[in-house]
Amino acid sequence: MAILNVNPTRMELSNLKRKLATARKGHKLLKDKRDELMRQFLDLVRENKTLRREVEAGIEEANRHMAVARSVMQDEVLSTLADPAWFFPSEEWEFDEWLLNREAFGYFDGDMLAGYAAMASWRTRGDRGYARKLGEPEENTYDFHDVLVLPRYRGRGMHTRFLNLFEEMARSMGGRAIYATVDPGNSASWHNFEKAGYALVCTRPAYDGRMRRYYKRTLDEQSGRP
């Protein structure tokens, strides 16, 4: 505590009393302001919790719709492909894993799931990761896979939207590269990848022995599109 050097006079005593009264008023004002800010902060915390619960519930509901719609739309899409072997569907448990990890993304037209795709990180892919299969460094890499679009929604750039979305997401998370595989016969698909800056790494057997073109999008400053 600071020690004041004051004159022992009535006038000095009166001055000190006025200063003390002012200091107490200022202290009360600051305390009231602190209490009000704390009240507002707690209100925001409660509002944030409520909004988080609503968002979580919405995501869970959307995931349920995606899981059901995926099984329905997959048959429709495969029946319209020039060669159904172009698309190698992931296992149901794997799709559920993407939903749980929030790595699957859908394009909805109202309540209709018009298309979906997934981008999984090297952490969740493990031995299934494309970088590991190619013998390349896998840390901070992502795999783009399982893109599927209903026939009546093709030609609207949905595939390109997914490519742009995933590149933006991977960059924001410090991603180094995105990998993808495409059937050699599916030229429309691999042309989309090449337009988006993906480079062909190799063509080799994958999955159940089917030949696949492996593509890689390097995410360094030099390769970024303007």
C-alpha atoms as a PDB file:
ATOM      1  CA  MET A   1       0.000   0.000   0.000  1.00  0.00           C
ATOM      2  CA  ALA A   2       1.272   3.429  -0.931  1.00  0.00           C
ATOM      3  CA  ILE A   3       2.007   5.843   1.919  1.00  0.00           C
ATOM      4  CA  LEU A   4       0.947   9.444   1.392  1.00  0.00           C
ATOM      5  CA  ASN A   5       2.965  12.305   2.760  1.00  0.00           C
ATOM      6  CA  VAL A   6       0.296  14.792   3.816  1.00  0.00           C
ATOM      7  CA  ASN A   7       0.051  17.877   5.974  1.00  0.00           C
ATOM      8  CA  PRO A   8      -1.944  17.336   9.204  1.00  0.00           C
ATOM      9  CA  THR A   9      -4.480  20.087   8.513  1.00  0.00           C
ATOM     10  CA  ARG A  10      -8.278  20.235   8.356  1.00  0.00           C
ATOM     11  CA  MET A  11      -8.142  21.309   4.700  1.00  0.00           C
ATOM     12  CA  GLU A  12      -5.940  18.346   3.758  1.00  0.00           C
ATOM     13  CA  LEU A  13      -8.294  16.014   5.640  1.00  0.00           C
ATOM     14  CA  SER A  14     -11.272  17.374   3.694  1.00  0.00           C
ATOM     15  CA  ASN A  15      -9.407  16.908   0.390  1.00  0.00           C
ATOM     16  CA  LEU A  16      -8.558  13.318   1.250  1.00  0.00           C
ATOM     17  CA  LYS A  17     -12.152  12.579   2.216  1.00  0.00           C
ATOM     18  CA  ARG A  18     -13.368  13.917  -1.145  1.00  0.00           C
ATOM     19  CA  LYS A  19     -10.777  11.824  -3.011  1.00  0.00           C
ATOM     20  CA  LEU A  20     -11.772   8.734  -0.995  1.00  0.00           C
ATOM     21  CA  ALA A  21     -15.444   9.251  -1.791  1.00  0.00           C
ATOM     22  CA  THR A  22     -14.634   9.667  -5.506  1.00  0.00           C
ATOM     23  CA  ALA A  23     -12.451   6.539  -5.485  1.00  0.00           C
ATOM     24  CA  ARG A  24     -15.231   4.513  -3.829  1.00  0.00           C
ATOM     25  CA  LYS A  25     -17.755   5.676  -6.419  1.00  0.00           C
ATOM     26  CA  GLY A  26     -15.316   4.796  -9.229  1.00  0.00           C
ATOM     27  CA  HIS A  27     -14.700   1.394  -7.673  1.00  0.00           C
ATOM     28  CA  LYS A  28     -18.439   0.704  -7.445  1.00  0.00           C
ATOM     29  CA  LEU A  29     -18.954   1.764 -11.059  1.00  0.00           C
ATOM     30  CA  LEU A  30     -16.174  -0.573 -12.220  1.00  0.00           C
ATOM     31  CA  LYS A  31     -17.577  -3.424 -10.107  1.00  0.00           C
ATOM     32  CA  ASP A  32     -21.067  -2.880 -11.543  1.00  0.00           C
ATOM     33  CA  LYS A  33     -19.611  -2.823 -15.050  1.00  0.00           C
ATOM     34  CA  ARG A  34     -17.687  -6.040 -14.388  1.00  0.00           C
ATOM     35  CA  ASP A  35     -20.821  -7.726 -13.055  1.00  0.00           C
ATOM     36  CA  GLU A  36     -22.816  -6.626 -16.114  1.00  0.00           C
ATOM     37  CA  LEU A  37     -20.123  -7.883 -18.501  1.00  0.00           C
ATOM     38  CA  MET A  38     -20.030 -11.193 -16.643  1.00  0.00           C
ATOM     39  CA  ARG A  39     -23.813 -11.476 -16.912  1.00  0.00           C
ATOM     40  CA  GLN A  40     -23.687 -10.787 -20.657  1.00  0.00           C
ATOM     41  CA  PHE A  41     -20.852 -13.294 -21.058  1.00  0.00           C
ATOM     42  CA  LEU A  42     -22.812 -16.029 -19.270  1.00  0.00           C
ATOM     43  CA  ASP A  43     -25.842 -15.260 -21.452  1.00  0.00           C
ATOM     44  CA  LEU A  44     -23.658 -15.696 -24.540  1.00  0.00           C
ATOM     45  CA  VAL A  45     -22.288 -18.975 -23.179  1.00  0.00           C
ATOM     46  CA  ARG A  46     -25.806 -20.317 -22.655  1.00  0.00           C
ATOM     47  CA  GLU A  47     -26.851 -19.115 -26.120  1.00  0.00           C
ATOM     48  CA  ASN A  48     -23.783 -20.752 -27.656  1.00  0.00           C
ATOM     49  CA  LYS A  49     -24.595 -24.056 -25.942  1.00  0.00           C
ATOM     50  CA  THR A  50     -28.156 -23.919 -27.225  1.00  0.00           C
ATOM     51  CA  LEU A  51     -27.035 -23.139 -30.777  1.00  0.00           C
ATOM     52  CA  ARG A  52     -24.401 -25.874 -30.612  1.00  0.00           C
ATOM     53  CA  ARG A  53     -27.013 -28.425 -29.590  1.00  0.00           C
ATOM     54  CA  GLU A  54     -29.268 -27.292 -32.442  1.00  0.00           C
ATOM     55  CA  VAL A  55     -26.417 -27.505 -34.966  1.00  0.00           C
ATOM     56  CA  GLU A  56     -25.338 -30.928 -33.667  1.00  0.00           C
ATOM     57  CA  ALA A  57     -28.908 -32.170 -33.943  1.00  0.00           C
ATOM     58  CA  GLY A  58     -29.146 -30.796 -37.476  1.00  0.00           C
ATOM     59  CA  ILE A  59     -25.900 -32.479 -38.492  1.00  0.00           C
ATOM     60  CA  GLU A  60     -27.019 -35.802 -37.045  1.00  0.00           C
ATOM     61  CA  GLU A  61     -30.325 -35.536 -38.878  1.00  0.00           C
ATOM     62  CA  ALA A  62     -28.556 -34.682 -42.156  1.00  0.00           C
ATOM     63  CA  ASN A  63     -26.183 -37.617 -41.639  1.00  0.00           C
ATOM     64  CA  ARG A  64     -29.112 -39.979 -41.214  1.00  0.00           C
ATOM     65  CA  HIS A  65     -30.672 -38.667 -44.413  1.00  0.00           C
ATOM     66  CA  MET A  66     -27.345 -39.044 -46.242  1.00  0.00           C
ATOM     67  CA  ALA A  67     -26.862 -42.630 -45.061  1.00  0.00           C
ATOM     68  CA  VAL A  68     -30.331 -43.616 -46.274  1.00  0.00           C
ATOM     69  CA  ALA A  69     -30.203 -41.580 -49.482  1.00  0.00           C
ATOM     70  CA  ARG A  70     -26.752 -42.918 -50.370  1.00  0.00           C
ATOM     71  CA  SER A  71     -27.985 -46.506 -50.523  1.00  0.00           C
ATOM     72  CA  VAL A  72     -30.915 -45.453 -52.717  1.00  0.00           C
ATOM     73  CA  MET A  73     -29.077 -43.140 -55.098  1.00  0.00           C
ATOM     74  CA  GLN A  74     -26.110 -45.484 -55.548  1.00  0.00           C
ATOM     75  CA  ASP A  75     -28.179 -48.011 -57.514  1.00  0.00           C
ATOM     76  CA  GLU A  76     -29.684 -45.260 -59.677  1.00  0.00           C
ATOM     77  CA  VAL A  77     -26.299 -43.745 -60.478  1.00  0.00           C
ATOM     78  CA  LEU A  78     -24.583 -47.049 -61.239  1.00  0.00           C
ATOM     79  CA  SER A  79     -27.375 -48.061 -63.610  1.00  0.00           C
ATOM     80  CA  THR A  80     -26.698 -44.981 -65.770  1.00  0.00           C
ATOM     81  CA  LEU A  81     -22.906 -45.239 -65.972  1.00  0.00           C
ATOM     82  CA  ALA A  82     -21.411 -46.393 -69.251  1.00  0.00           C
ATOM     83  CA  ASP A  83     -19.482 -48.921 -67.178  1.00  0.00           C
ATOM     84  CA  PRO A  84     -20.609 -49.569 -63.568  1.00  0.00           C
ATOM     85  CA  ALA A  85     -17.048 -50.672 -62.795  1.00  0.00           C
ATOM     86  CA  TRP A  86     -16.030 -46.995 -62.940  1.00  0.00           C
ATOM     87  CA  PHE A  87     -17.405 -46.539 -59.448  1.00  0.00           C
ATOM     88  CA  PHE A  88     -16.072 -48.675 -56.620  1.00  0.00           C
ATOM     89  CA  PRO A  89     -18.389 -48.058 -53.647  1.00  0.00           C
ATOM     90  CA  SER A  90     -16.947 -47.927 -50.178  1.00  0.00           C
ATOM     91  CA  GLU A  91     -18.227 -50.232 -47.494  1.00  0.00           C
ATOM     92  CA  GLU A  92     -21.196 -49.078 -45.436  1.00  0.00           C
ATOM     93  CA  TRP A  93     -19.095 -49.031 -42.255  1.00  0.00           C
ATOM     94  CA  GLU A  94     -16.577 -46.780 -43.959  1.00  0.00           C
ATOM     95  CA  PHE A  95     -19.268 -44.316 -45.026  1.00  0.00           C
ATOM     96  CA  ASP A  96     -20.613 -44.318 -41.463  1.00  0.00           C
ATOM     97  CA  GLU A  97     -17.070 -43.547 -40.299  1.00  0.00           C
ATOM     98  CA  TRP A  98     -16.895 -40.530 -42.621  1.00  0.00           C
ATOM     99  CA  LEU A  99     -20.214 -39.272 -41.292  1.00  0.00           C
ATOM    100  CA  LEU A 100     -19.021 -39.703 -37.719  1.00  0.00           C
ATOM    101  CA  ASN A 101     -15.792 -37.832 -38.498  1.00  0.00           C
ATOM    102  CA  ARG A 102     -17.678 -35.248 -40.581  1.00  0.00           C
ATOM    103  CA  GLU A 103     -15.685 -36.120 -43.668  1.00  0.00           C
ATOM    104  CA  ALA A 104     -18.669 -36.776 -45.966  1.00  0.00           C
ATOM    105  CA  PHE A 105     -20.439 -33.848 -47.619  1.00  0.00           C
ATOM    106  CA  GLY A 106     -23.744 -33.758 -49.452  1.00  0.00           C
ATOM    107  CA  TYR A 107     -25.308 -31.398 -51.964  1.00  0.00           C
ATOM    108  CA  PHE A 108     -28.999 -31.074 -51.207  1.00  0.00           C
ATOM    109  CA  ASP A 109     -31.726 -29.706 -53.414  1.00  0.00           C
ATOM    110  CA  GLY A 110     -34.348 -29.143 -50.747  1.00  0.00           C
ATOM    111  CA  ASP A 111     -34.693 -32.536 -49.084  1.00  0.00           C
ATOM    112  CA  MET A 112     -33.196 -34.309 -52.099  1.00  0.00           C
ATOM    113  CA  LEU A 113     -29.610 -35.528 -51.846  1.00  0.00           C
ATOM    114  CA  ALA A 114     -28.357 -34.648 -55.323  1.00  0.00           C
ATOM    115  CA  GLY A 115     -24.743 -35.672 -54.786  1.00  0.00           C
ATOM    116  CA  TYR A 116     -22.127 -36.395 -52.201  1.00  0.00           C
ATOM    117  CA  ALA A 117     -18.395 -36.834 -51.831  1.00  0.00           C
ATOM    118  CA  ALA A 118     -15.918 -37.526 -49.046  1.00  0.00           C
ATOM    119  CA  MET A 119     -12.500 -36.216 -48.115  1.00  0.00           C
ATOM    120  CA  ALA A 120     -10.729 -38.143 -45.368  1.00  0.00           C
ATOM    121  CA  SER A 121      -7.461 -37.251 -43.665  1.00  0.00           C
ATOM    122  CA  TRP A 122      -4.371 -39.391 -43.388  1.00  0.00           C
ATOM    123  CA  ARG A 123      -5.176 -39.898 -39.698  1.00  0.00           C
ATOM    124  CA  THR A 124      -8.417 -41.742 -40.358  1.00  0.00           C
ATOM    125  CA  ARG A 125      -7.358 -43.447 -43.591  1.00  0.00           C
ATOM    126  CA  GLY A 126      -4.391 -45.346 -42.172  1.00  0.00           C
ATOM    127  CA  ASP A 127      -3.400 -48.234 -44.451  1.00  0.00           C
ATOM    128  CA  ARG A 128      -6.158 -47.257 -46.879  1.00  0.00           C
ATOM    129  CA  GLY A 129      -4.552 -43.874 -47.556  1.00  0.00           C
ATOM    130  CA  TYR A 130      -3.469 -43.223 -51.124  1.00  0.00           C
ATOM    131  CA  ALA A 131      -0.207 -41.533 -50.154  1.00  0.00           C
ATOM    132  CA  ARG A 132       0.825 -44.585 -48.139  1.00  0.00           C
ATOM    133  CA  LYS A 133      -0.110 -46.922 -50.980  1.00  0.00           C
ATOM    134  CA  LEU A 134       2.044 -44.855 -53.337  1.00  0.00           C
ATOM    135  CA  GLY A 135       4.950 -44.845 -50.888  1.00  0.00           C
ATOM    136  CA  GLU A 136       4.810 -41.066 -50.455  1.00  0.00           C
ATOM    137  CA  PRO A 137       4.888 -39.053 -47.196  1.00  0.00           C
ATOM    138  CA  GLU A 138       1.366 -39.229 -45.822  1.00  0.00           C
ATOM    139  CA  GLU A 139       1.322 -36.616 -43.061  1.00  0.00           C
ATOM    140  CA  ASN A 140      -1.036 -33.714 -43.827  1.00  0.00           C
ATOM    141  CA  THR A 141      -2.510 -35.434 -46.877  1.00  0.00           C
ATOM    142  CA  TYR A 142      -6.149 -36.020 -47.718  1.00  0.00           C
ATOM    143  CA  ASP A 143      -8.022 -38.454 -49.944  1.00  0.00           C
ATOM    144  CA  PHE A 144     -10.886 -37.351 -52.188  1.00  0.00           C
ATOM    145  CA  HIS A 145     -13.170 -40.259 -52.957  1.00  0.00           C
ATOM    146  CA  ASP A 146     -16.680 -41.624 -53.469  1.00  0.00           C
ATOM    147  CA  VAL A 147     -18.043 -38.657 -55.420  1.00  0.00           C
ATOM    148  CA  LEU A 148     -21.506 -39.518 -56.698  1.00  0.00           C
ATOM    149  CA  VAL A 149     -24.033 -37.268 -58.494  1.00  0.00           C
ATOM    150  CA  LEU A 150     -27.565 -38.128 -59.527  1.00  0.00           C
ATOM    151  CA  PRO A 151     -27.945 -38.298 -63.341  1.00  0.00           C
ATOM    152  CA  ARG A 152     -30.402 -35.383 -63.535  1.00  0.00           C
ATOM    153  CA  TYR A 153     -27.933 -33.142 -61.682  1.00  0.00           C
ATOM    154  CA  ARG A 154     -24.922 -33.870 -63.870  1.00  0.00           C
ATOM    155  CA  GLY A 155     -23.462 -31.100 -65.964  1.00  0.00           C
ATOM    156  CA  ARG A 156     -24.061 -28.477 -63.265  1.00  0.00           C
ATOM    157  CA  GLY A 157     -20.497 -28.358 -61.989  1.00  0.00           C
ATOM    158  CA  MET A 158     -21.166 -30.254 -58.772  1.00  0.00           C
ATOM    159  CA  HIS A 159     -17.987 -32.317 -59.076  1.00  0.00           C
ATOM    160  CA  THR A 160     -15.971 -29.124 -59.518  1.00  0.00           C
ATOM    161  CA  ARG A 161     -17.667 -27.576 -56.474  1.00  0.00           C
ATOM    162  CA  PHE A 162     -16.616 -30.522 -54.361  1.00  0.00           C
ATOM    163  CA  LEU A 163     -13.056 -30.251 -55.690  1.00  0.00           C
ATOM    164  CA  ASN A 164     -12.892 -26.537 -54.851  1.00  0.00           C
ATOM    165  CA  LEU A 165     -14.474 -27.067 -51.434  1.00  0.00           C
ATOM    166  CA  PHE A 166     -12.061 -29.818 -50.464  1.00  0.00           C
ATOM    167  CA  GLU A 167      -9.032 -27.883 -51.661  1.00  0.00           C
ATOM    168  CA  GLU A 168     -10.094 -24.866 -49.609  1.00  0.00           C
ATOM    169  CA  MET A 169     -10.688 -27.064 -46.568  1.00  0.00           C
ATOM    170  CA  ALA A 170      -7.379 -28.908 -46.913  1.00  0.00           C
ATOM    171  CA  ARG A 171      -5.450 -25.656 -47.260  1.00  0.00           C
ATOM    172  CA  SER A 172      -7.142 -24.206 -44.169  1.00  0.00           C
ATOM    173  CA  MET A 173      -6.047 -27.267 -42.180  1.00  0.00           C
ATOM    174  CA  GLY A 174      -2.432 -27.093 -43.358  1.00  0.00           C
ATOM    175  CA  GLY A 175      -2.857 -29.837 -45.927  1.00  0.00           C
ATOM    176  CA  ARG A 176       0.098 -30.698 -48.115  1.00  0.00           C
ATOM    177  CA  ALA A 177      -1.669 -32.666 -50.847  1.00  0.00           C
ATOM    178  CA  ILE A 178      -4.965 -34.255 -51.889  1.00  0.00           C
ATOM    179  CA  TYR A 179      -5.042 -37.632 -53.623  1.00  0.00           C
ATOM    180  CA  ALA A 180      -7.752 -39.278 -55.703  1.00  0.00           C
ATOM    181  CA  THR A 181      -8.219 -42.320 -57.920  1.00  0.00           C
ATOM    182  CA  VAL A 182     -10.248 -42.549 -61.130  1.00  0.00           C
ATOM    183  CA  ASP A 183     -11.071 -45.399 -63.460  1.00  0.00           C
ATOM    184  CA  PRO A 184      -9.044 -44.979 -66.691  1.00  0.00           C
ATOM    185  CA  GLY A 185     -12.229 -45.256 -68.736  1.00  0.00           C
ATOM    186  CA  ASN A 186     -14.010 -42.471 -66.889  1.00  0.00           C
ATOM    187  CA  SER A 187     -12.512 -39.631 -68.899  1.00  0.00           C
ATOM    188  CA  ALA A 188     -15.124 -37.067 -67.814  1.00  0.00           C
ATOM    189  CA  SER A 189     -14.098 -37.545 -64.198  1.00  0.00           C
ATOM    190  CA  TRP A 190     -10.346 -37.447 -64.643  1.00  0.00           C
ATOM    191  CA  HIS A 191     -10.636 -34.447 -66.962  1.00  0.00           C
ATOM    192  CA  ASN A 192     -12.336 -32.622 -64.069  1.00  0.00           C
ATOM    193  CA  PHE A 193      -9.441 -33.516 -61.777  1.00  0.00           C
ATOM    194  CA  GLU A 194      -6.862 -32.344 -64.300  1.00  0.00           C
ATOM    195  CA  LYS A 195      -8.695 -29.041 -64.826  1.00  0.00           C
ATOM    196  CA  ALA A 196      -8.598 -28.553 -61.056  1.00  0.00           C
ATOM    197  CA  GLY A 197      -4.813 -28.901 -61.016  1.00  0.00           C
ATOM    198  CA  TYR A 198      -4.465 -32.594 -60.175  1.00  0.00           C
ATOM    199  CA  ALA A 199      -1.476 -34.329 -61.739  1.00  0.00           C
ATOM    200  CA  LEU A 200      -1.417 -37.970 -62.787  1.00  0.00           C
ATOM    201  CA  VAL A 201       0.969 -39.928 -60.561  1.00  0.00           C
ATOM    202  CA  CYS A 202       0.569 -43.401 -62.021  1.00  0.00           C
ATOM    203  CA  THR A 203      -1.888 -46.030 -63.246  1.00  0.00           C
ATOM    204  CA  ARG A 204      -1.903 -49.234 -61.232  1.00  0.00           C
ATOM    205  CA  PRO A 205      -4.259 -51.876 -59.809  1.00  0.00           C
ATOM    206  CA  ALA A 206      -6.263 -50.895 -56.741  1.00  0.00           C
ATOM    207  CA  TYR A 207      -9.148 -52.147 -54.619  1.00  0.00           C
ATOM    208  CA  ASP A 208     -10.146 -55.550 -56.026  1.00  0.00           C
ATOM    209  CA  GLY A 209      -7.505 -55.420 -58.763  1.00  0.00           C
ATOM    210  CA  ARG A 210      -9.210 -52.802 -60.925  1.00  0.00           C
ATOM    211  CA  MET A 211      -6.892 -50.413 -62.726  1.00  0.00           C
ATOM    212  CA  ARG A 212      -7.054 -46.871 -61.398  1.00  0.00           C
ATOM    213  CA  ARG A 213      -5.397 -43.599 -62.303  1.00  0.00           C
ATOM    214  CA  TYR A 214      -3.867 -42.051 -59.177  1.00  0.00           C
ATOM    215  CA  TYR A 215      -4.000 -38.255 -59.075  1.00  0.00           C
ATOM    216  CA  LYS A 216      -2.359 -35.779 -56.719  1.00  0.00           C
ATOM    217  CA  ARG A 217      -3.097 -32.123 -56.050  1.00  0.00           C
ATOM    218  CA  THR A 218      -0.065 -30.489 -54.422  1.00  0.00           C
ATOM    219  CA  LEU A 219      -1.043 -27.676 -52.065  1.00  0.00           C
ATOM    220  CA  ASP A 220       1.995 -25.428 -51.869  1.00  0.00           C
ATOM    221  CA  GLU A 221       2.124 -21.721 -52.642  1.00  0.00           C
ATOM    222  CA  GLN A 222       3.514 -22.246 -56.124  1.00  0.00           C
ATOM    223  CA  SER A 223       0.711 -24.594 -57.148  1.00  0.00           C
ATOM    224  CA  GLY A 224      -2.138 -22.466 -55.820  1.00  0.00           C
ATOM    225  CA  ARG A 225      -4.537 -21.144 -58.406  1.00  0.00           C
ATOM    226  CA  PRO A 226      -5.067 -17.370 -58.500  1.00  0.00           C
END
